[in-house]
C-alpha cells in the first residue's frame, strides 16, 4: 500500500511537471506569433541583409533555443551588421553604415584623419540619430531626408548646449574642435555599444 501511494505521488509530480513544461512551451509559441524557431531560424537564409527583419526576429525570440548569431557569423559577422534595422533609404543620414565595427573605430585618430571637417561633424550627427532611436525610441528611420537633417542638427546642438562657445563656432563655421568631437564619439558610441552588445 505504501509503494502504491509513493508511486501515485511520483506520477502526479511527473504529470504536473510535464504539464507546466508543455504550458510554458505553448506560451512561448503563442508569444512568437505561432512561429517555430527551428523552421523560421534554422538556416542561413535569414543572415543576409535583405532578410534583416527575419534575423532580428530570430535574435529576439529564439536565442534561448538556438545560436542565431553563430549561425550567421560566416555569412555576415554580427559586428558588421547595421546597429539599427537595415533600411533602403539612401540619403545622407542612412543608418546602415553604423555597425559595431564602425563604432569601435570612431576615435580621436578617425577625427584627425578626416580632412573634411564638415564630414566628421556629419558622422557625429549620424551617431546621435542612431542613439536617439536606440535609447530614446525616436523612429528616425521613418523620417524624410529634411526631417532627419533637422533632427540631427537639433541633437548636435542639444549635445553641446552647456558650452555656448562650441555652438557659436559651429553655427558660424559648421565645425567644432577635434577634442570635442572625439569626446562626443567616445561617449555616444559607448552608450550605443552598451545597448547592442
C-alpha atoms as a PDB file:
ATOM      1  CA  UNK A   1       0.000   0.000   0.000  1.00  0.00           C
ATOM      2  CA  UNK A   2       2.852   2.326   0.879  1.00  0.00           C
ATOM      3  CA  UNK A   3       4.521   1.676  -2.508  1.00  0.00           C
ATOM      4  CA  UNK A   4       1.264   2.394  -4.330  1.00  0.00           C
ATOM      5  CA  UNK A   5       0.942   5.724  -2.522  1.00  0.00           C
ATOM      6  CA  UNK A   6       4.523   6.643  -3.312  1.00  0.00           C
ATOM      7  CA  UNK A   7       4.080   5.633  -6.942  1.00  0.00           C
ATOM      8  CA  UNK A   8       0.895   7.700  -7.187  1.00  0.00           C
ATOM      9  CA  UNK A   9       2.648  10.720  -5.716  1.00  0.00           C
ATOM     10  CA  UNK A  10       5.531  10.374  -8.163  1.00  0.00           C
ATOM     11  CA  UNK A  11       3.131  10.000 -11.062  1.00  0.00           C
ATOM     12  CA  UNK A  12       1.273  13.147 -10.003  1.00  0.00           C
ATOM     13  CA  UNK A  13       4.556  15.069  -9.732  1.00  0.00           C
ATOM     14  CA  UNK A  14       5.660  13.911 -13.189  1.00  0.00           C
ATOM     15  CA  UNK A  15       2.299  14.898 -14.677  1.00  0.00           C
ATOM     16  CA  UNK A  16       2.377  18.323 -13.003  1.00  0.00           C
ATOM     17  CA  UNK A  17       5.941  18.934 -14.157  1.00  0.00           C
ATOM     18  CA  UNK A  18       5.260  17.842 -17.724  1.00  0.00           C
ATOM     19  CA  UNK A  19       2.022  19.838 -17.980  1.00  0.00           C
ATOM     20  CA  UNK A  20       3.726  23.005 -16.701  1.00  0.00           C
ATOM     21  CA  UNK A  21       6.580  22.423 -19.164  1.00  0.00           C
ATOM     22  CA  UNK A  22       4.123  21.987 -22.056  1.00  0.00           C
ATOM     23  CA  UNK A  23       2.230  25.042 -20.835  1.00  0.00           C
ATOM     24  CA  UNK A  24       5.431  27.142 -20.850  1.00  0.00           C
ATOM     25  CA  UNK A  25       6.319  25.894 -24.313  1.00  0.00           C
ATOM     26  CA  UNK A  26       2.908  26.760 -25.655  1.00  0.00           C
ATOM     27  CA  UNK A  27       3.107  30.250 -24.128  1.00  0.00           C
ATOM     28  CA  UNK A  28       6.442  30.868 -25.876  1.00  0.00           C
ATOM     29  CA  UNK A  29       4.941  29.591 -29.117  1.00  0.00           C
ATOM     30  CA  UNK A  30       1.972  31.947 -28.733  1.00  0.00           C
ATOM     31  CA  UNK A  31       4.252  34.892 -27.828  1.00  0.00           C
ATOM     32  CA  UNK A  32       6.221  34.242 -31.024  1.00  0.00           C
ATOM     33  CA  UNK A  33       3.035  34.581 -33.076  1.00  0.00           C
ATOM     34  CA  UNK A  34       2.775  30.806 -33.660  1.00  0.00           C
ATOM     35  CA  UNK A  35       6.137  30.793 -35.447  1.00  0.00           C
ATOM     36  CA  UNK A  36       8.507  27.896 -34.976  1.00  0.00           C
ATOM     37  CA  UNK A  37      12.081  28.874 -34.156  1.00  0.00           C
ATOM     38  CA  UNK A  38      13.511  25.829 -35.933  1.00  0.00           C
ATOM     39  CA  UNK A  39      11.546  26.409 -39.112  1.00  0.00           C
ATOM     40  CA  UNK A  40      11.980  30.199 -39.218  1.00  0.00           C
ATOM     41  CA  UNK A  41      15.555  30.475 -37.987  1.00  0.00           C
ATOM     42  CA  UNK A  42      17.044  27.118 -38.905  1.00  0.00           C
ATOM     43  CA  UNK A  43      19.072  28.050 -41.978  1.00  0.00           C
ATOM     44  CA  UNK A  44      21.407  30.777 -43.161  1.00  0.00           C
ATOM     45  CA  UNK A  45      18.846  32.386 -45.475  1.00  0.00           C
ATOM     46  CA  UNK A  46      17.983  34.698 -42.538  1.00  0.00           C
ATOM     47  CA  UNK A  47      21.555  36.008 -42.464  1.00  0.00           C
ATOM     48  CA  UNK A  48      21.537  38.310 -45.492  1.00  0.00           C
ATOM     49  CA  UNK A  49      20.755  41.999 -45.084  1.00  0.00           C
ATOM     50  CA  UNK A  50      17.723  41.541 -47.325  1.00  0.00           C
ATOM     51  CA  UNK A  51      16.310  39.258 -44.607  1.00  0.00           C
ATOM     52  CA  UNK A  52      17.376  41.513 -41.731  1.00  0.00           C
ATOM     53  CA  UNK A  53      13.885  41.614 -40.225  1.00  0.00           C
ATOM     54  CA  UNK A  54      13.829  37.783 -40.020  1.00  0.00           C
ATOM     55  CA  UNK A  55      17.316  37.780 -38.454  1.00  0.00           C
ATOM     56  CA  UNK A  56      16.262  40.345 -35.834  1.00  0.00           C
ATOM     57  CA  UNK A  57      13.071  38.412 -35.094  1.00  0.00           C
ATOM     58  CA  UNK A  58      15.100  35.239 -34.567  1.00  0.00           C
ATOM     59  CA  UNK A  59      17.601  37.071 -32.391  1.00  0.00           C
ATOM     60  CA  UNK A  60      14.814  38.476 -30.228  1.00  0.00           C
ATOM     61  CA  UNK A  61      12.646  35.370 -29.973  1.00  0.00           C
ATOM     62  CA  UNK A  62      14.768  32.265 -30.441  1.00  0.00           C
ATOM     63  CA  UNK A  63      18.200  32.757 -28.881  1.00  0.00           C
ATOM     64  CA  UNK A  64      17.090  30.676 -25.908  1.00  0.00           C
ATOM     65  CA  UNK A  65      16.733  27.780 -28.328  1.00  0.00           C
ATOM     66  CA  UNK A  66      19.491  28.302 -30.911  1.00  0.00           C
ATOM     67  CA  UNK A  67      22.638  30.335 -31.571  1.00  0.00           C
ATOM     68  CA  UNK A  68      21.306  32.805 -34.147  1.00  0.00           C
ATOM     69  CA  UNK A  69      24.455  34.979 -34.151  1.00  0.00           C
ATOM     70  CA  UNK A  70      26.652  31.903 -34.571  1.00  0.00           C
ATOM     71  CA  UNK A  71      24.530  30.635 -37.463  1.00  0.00           C
ATOM     72  CA  UNK A  72      25.089  33.893 -39.359  1.00  0.00           C
ATOM     73  CA  UNK A  73      28.697  34.588 -38.406  1.00  0.00           C
ATOM     74  CA  UNK A  74      30.161  33.053 -41.584  1.00  0.00           C
ATOM     75  CA  UNK A  75      27.638  34.832 -43.829  1.00  0.00           C
ATOM     76  CA  UNK A  76      27.682  38.297 -42.240  1.00  0.00           C
ATOM     77  CA  UNK A  77      29.514  38.740 -38.925  1.00  0.00           C
ATOM     78  CA  UNK A  78      27.412  40.393 -36.236  1.00  0.00           C
ATOM     79  CA  UNK A  79      29.968  43.217 -35.835  1.00  0.00           C
ATOM     80  CA  UNK A  80      29.398  44.227 -39.477  1.00  0.00           C
ATOM     81  CA  UNK A  81      25.579  44.258 -39.347  1.00  0.00           C
ATOM     82  CA  UNK A  82      23.854  47.645 -39.037  1.00  0.00           C
ATOM     83  CA  UNK A  83      23.042  48.526 -35.432  1.00  0.00           C
ATOM     84  CA  UNK A  84      19.533  49.595 -36.462  1.00  0.00           C
ATOM     85  CA  UNK A  85      17.299  47.575 -38.789  1.00  0.00           C
ATOM     86  CA  UNK A  86      18.526  47.544 -42.380  1.00  0.00           C
ATOM     87  CA  UNK A  87      16.905  50.308 -44.437  1.00  0.00           C
ATOM     88  CA  UNK A  88      16.576  51.109 -48.133  1.00  0.00           C
ATOM     89  CA  UNK A  89      16.800  54.874 -47.555  1.00  0.00           C
ATOM     90  CA  UNK A  90      19.776  56.226 -49.471  1.00  0.00           C
ATOM     91  CA  UNK A  91      20.060  59.784 -48.148  1.00  0.00           C
ATOM     92  CA  UNK A  92      22.859  61.459 -46.225  1.00  0.00           C
ATOM     93  CA  UNK A  93      21.838  60.040 -42.848  1.00  0.00           C
ATOM     94  CA  UNK A  94      21.459  56.404 -43.885  1.00  0.00           C
ATOM     95  CA  UNK A  95      21.918  54.309 -40.749  1.00  0.00           C
ATOM     96  CA  UNK A  96      23.174  51.135 -42.472  1.00  0.00           C
ATOM     97  CA  UNK A  97      26.773  52.315 -42.180  1.00  0.00           C
ATOM     98  CA  UNK A  98      26.626  52.362 -38.362  1.00  0.00           C
ATOM     99  CA  UNK A  99      27.764  48.927 -37.200  1.00  0.00           C
ATOM    100  CA  UNK A 100      29.586  47.735 -34.087  1.00  0.00           C
ATOM    101  CA  UNK A 101      32.794  47.563 -36.138  1.00  0.00           C
ATOM    102  CA  UNK A 102      32.341  51.143 -37.416  1.00  0.00           C
ATOM    103  CA  UNK A 103      31.589  52.436 -33.917  1.00  0.00           C
ATOM    104  CA  UNK A 104      34.669  50.766 -32.470  1.00  0.00           C
ATOM    105  CA  UNK A 105      36.793  52.752 -34.929  1.00  0.00           C
ATOM    106  CA  UNK A 106      35.318  56.165 -34.127  1.00  0.00           C
ATOM    107  CA  UNK A 107      38.046  57.768 -32.080  1.00  0.00           C
ATOM    108  CA  UNK A 108      40.405  60.730 -31.986  1.00  0.00           C
ATOM    109  CA  UNK A 109      42.506  59.260 -34.808  1.00  0.00           C
ATOM    110  CA  UNK A 110      39.394  58.996 -37.015  1.00  0.00           C
ATOM    111  CA  UNK A 111      38.619  62.665 -36.286  1.00  0.00           C
ATOM    112  CA  UNK A 112      42.155  63.779 -37.125  1.00  0.00           C
ATOM    113  CA  UNK A 113      42.382  61.661 -40.293  1.00  0.00           C
ATOM    114  CA  UNK A 114      39.132  63.010 -41.748  1.00  0.00           C
ATOM    115  CA  UNK A 115      40.243  66.028 -43.753  1.00  0.00           C
ATOM    116  CA  UNK A 116      36.709  67.229 -44.497  1.00  0.00           C
ATOM    117  CA  UNK A 117      35.740  68.775 -41.154  1.00  0.00           C
ATOM    118  CA  UNK A 118      32.061  69.017 -42.113  1.00  0.00           C
ATOM    119  CA  UNK A 119      32.015  65.320 -42.931  1.00  0.00           C
ATOM    120  CA  UNK A 120      33.254  64.368 -39.475  1.00  0.00           C
ATOM    121  CA  UNK A 121      30.519  66.592 -37.968  1.00  0.00           C
ATOM    122  CA  UNK A 122      28.032  64.738 -40.189  1.00  0.00           C
ATOM    123  CA  UNK A 123      29.246  61.424 -38.761  1.00  0.00           C
ATOM    124  CA  UNK A 124      28.736  62.796 -35.246  1.00  0.00           C
ATOM    125  CA  UNK A 125      25.196  63.805 -36.150  1.00  0.00           C
ATOM    126  CA  UNK A 126      24.532  60.356 -37.612  1.00  0.00           C
ATOM    127  CA  UNK A 127      25.507  58.527 -34.441  1.00  0.00           C
ATOM    128  CA  UNK A 128      23.392  60.981 -32.422  1.00  0.00           C
ATOM    129  CA  UNK A 129      20.443  59.972 -34.626  1.00  0.00           C
ATOM    130  CA  UNK A 130      21.175  56.280 -34.062  1.00  0.00           C
ATOM    131  CA  UNK A 131      21.366  56.885 -30.309  1.00  0.00           C
ATOM    132  CA  UNK A 132      18.018  58.721 -30.428  1.00  0.00           C
ATOM    133  CA  UNK A 133      16.365  55.676 -31.975  1.00  0.00           C
ATOM    134  CA  UNK A 134      18.057  53.079 -29.782  1.00  0.00           C
ATOM    135  CA  UNK A 135      17.880  54.818 -26.427  1.00  0.00           C
ATOM    136  CA  UNK A 136      15.039  57.312 -26.717  1.00  0.00           C
ATOM    137  CA  UNK A 137      12.651  55.478 -29.022  1.00  0.00           C
ATOM    138  CA  UNK A 138      12.613  58.118 -31.788  1.00  0.00           C
ATOM    139  CA  UNK A 139      11.974  56.201 -35.019  1.00  0.00           C
ATOM    140  CA  UNK A 140      14.366  58.164 -37.227  1.00  0.00           C
ATOM    141  CA  UNK A 141      14.066  55.555 -39.967  1.00  0.00           C
ATOM    142  CA  UNK A 142      10.554  56.802 -40.717  1.00  0.00           C
ATOM    143  CA  UNK A 143      11.737  60.389 -41.210  1.00  0.00           C
ATOM    144  CA  UNK A 144      12.285  62.048 -44.582  1.00  0.00           C
ATOM    145  CA  UNK A 145      15.680  63.468 -45.565  1.00  0.00           C
ATOM    146  CA  UNK A 146      14.876  67.058 -44.415  1.00  0.00           C
ATOM    147  CA  UNK A 147      13.375  65.756 -41.155  1.00  0.00           C
ATOM    148  CA  UNK A 148      16.469  63.665 -40.437  1.00  0.00           C
ATOM    149  CA  UNK A 149      18.718  66.614 -41.191  1.00  0.00           C
ATOM    150  CA  UNK A 150      16.748  68.945 -38.917  1.00  0.00           C
ATOM    151  CA  UNK A 151      16.667  66.414 -36.078  1.00  0.00           C
ATOM    152  CA  UNK A 152      20.393  65.677 -36.476  1.00  0.00           C
ATOM    153  CA  UNK A 153      21.202  69.389 -36.218  1.00  0.00           C
ATOM    154  CA  UNK A 154      18.933  69.767 -33.190  1.00  0.00           C
ATOM    155  CA  UNK A 155      20.516  66.772 -31.421  1.00  0.00           C
ATOM    156  CA  UNK A 156      24.009  68.064 -32.168  1.00  0.00           C
ATOM    157  CA  UNK A 157      23.241  71.497 -30.714  1.00  0.00           C
ATOM    158  CA  UNK A 158      21.482  69.942 -27.699  1.00  0.00           C
ATOM    159  CA  UNK A 159      24.544  67.787 -27.024  1.00  0.00           C
ATOM    160  CA  UNK A 160      26.714  70.893 -26.656  1.00  0.00           C
ATOM    161  CA  UNK A 161      24.079  73.126 -25.019  1.00  0.00           C
ATOM    162  CA  UNK A 162      26.246  73.552 -21.923  1.00  0.00           C
ATOM    163  CA  UNK A 163      29.108  75.026 -23.974  1.00  0.00           C
ATOM    164  CA  UNK A 164      27.841  78.107 -25.853  1.00  0.00           C
ATOM    165  CA  UNK A 165      31.263  78.821 -27.412  1.00  0.00           C
ATOM    166  CA  UNK A 166      31.151  75.494 -29.278  1.00  0.00           C
ATOM    167  CA  UNK A 167      27.610  76.128 -30.502  1.00  0.00           C
ATOM    168  CA  UNK A 168      28.605  79.626 -31.680  1.00  0.00           C
ATOM    169  CA  UNK A 169      31.638  78.253 -33.528  1.00  0.00           C
ATOM    170  CA  UNK A 170      29.506  75.515 -35.084  1.00  0.00           C
ATOM    171  CA  UNK A 171      26.843  77.979 -36.245  1.00  0.00           C
ATOM    172  CA  UNK A 172      29.491  80.232 -37.825  1.00  0.00           C
ATOM    173  CA  UNK A 173      31.765  77.626 -39.418  1.00  0.00           C
ATOM    174  CA  UNK A 174      29.893  74.309 -39.384  1.00  0.00           C
ATOM    175  CA  UNK A 175      32.732  72.614 -37.480  1.00  0.00           C
ATOM    176  CA  UNK A 176      33.929  72.234 -33.892  1.00  0.00           C
ATOM    177  CA  UNK A 177      37.318  71.447 -32.285  1.00  0.00           C
ATOM    178  CA  UNK A 178      38.703  67.926 -32.690  1.00  0.00           C
ATOM    179  CA  UNK A 179      38.864  67.231 -28.955  1.00  0.00           C
ATOM    180  CA  UNK A 180      35.138  67.989 -28.543  1.00  0.00           C
ATOM    181  CA  UNK A 181      34.262  65.716 -31.468  1.00  0.00           C
ATOM    182  CA  UNK A 182      36.474  62.942 -30.083  1.00  0.00           C
ATOM    183  CA  UNK A 183      34.717  63.259 -26.709  1.00  0.00           C
ATOM    184  CA  UNK A 184      31.271  63.103 -28.372  1.00  0.00           C
ATOM    185  CA  UNK A 185      32.291  59.968 -30.313  1.00  0.00           C
ATOM    186  CA  UNK A 186      33.635  58.283 -27.193  1.00  0.00           C
ATOM    187  CA  UNK A 187      30.564  58.996 -25.083  1.00  0.00           C
ATOM    188  CA  UNK A 188      27.844  58.303 -27.665  1.00  0.00           C
ATOM    189  CA  UNK A 189      29.450  55.179 -29.145  1.00  0.00           C
ATOM    190  CA  UNK A 190      29.840  53.710 -25.648  1.00  0.00           C
ATOM    191  CA  UNK A 191      26.132  54.300 -24.930  1.00  0.00           C
ATOM    192  CA  UNK A 192      25.166  52.606 -28.214  1.00  0.00           C
ATOM    193  CA  UNK A 193      27.553  49.679 -27.727  1.00  0.00           C
ATOM    194  CA  UNK A 194      26.240  49.067 -24.211  1.00  0.00           C
ATOM    195  CA  UNK A 195      22.743  48.815 -25.640  1.00  0.00           C
ATOM    196  CA  UNK A 196      23.519  46.487 -28.567  1.00  0.00           C
ATOM    197  CA  UNK A 197      26.021  44.059 -27.033  1.00  0.00           C
END
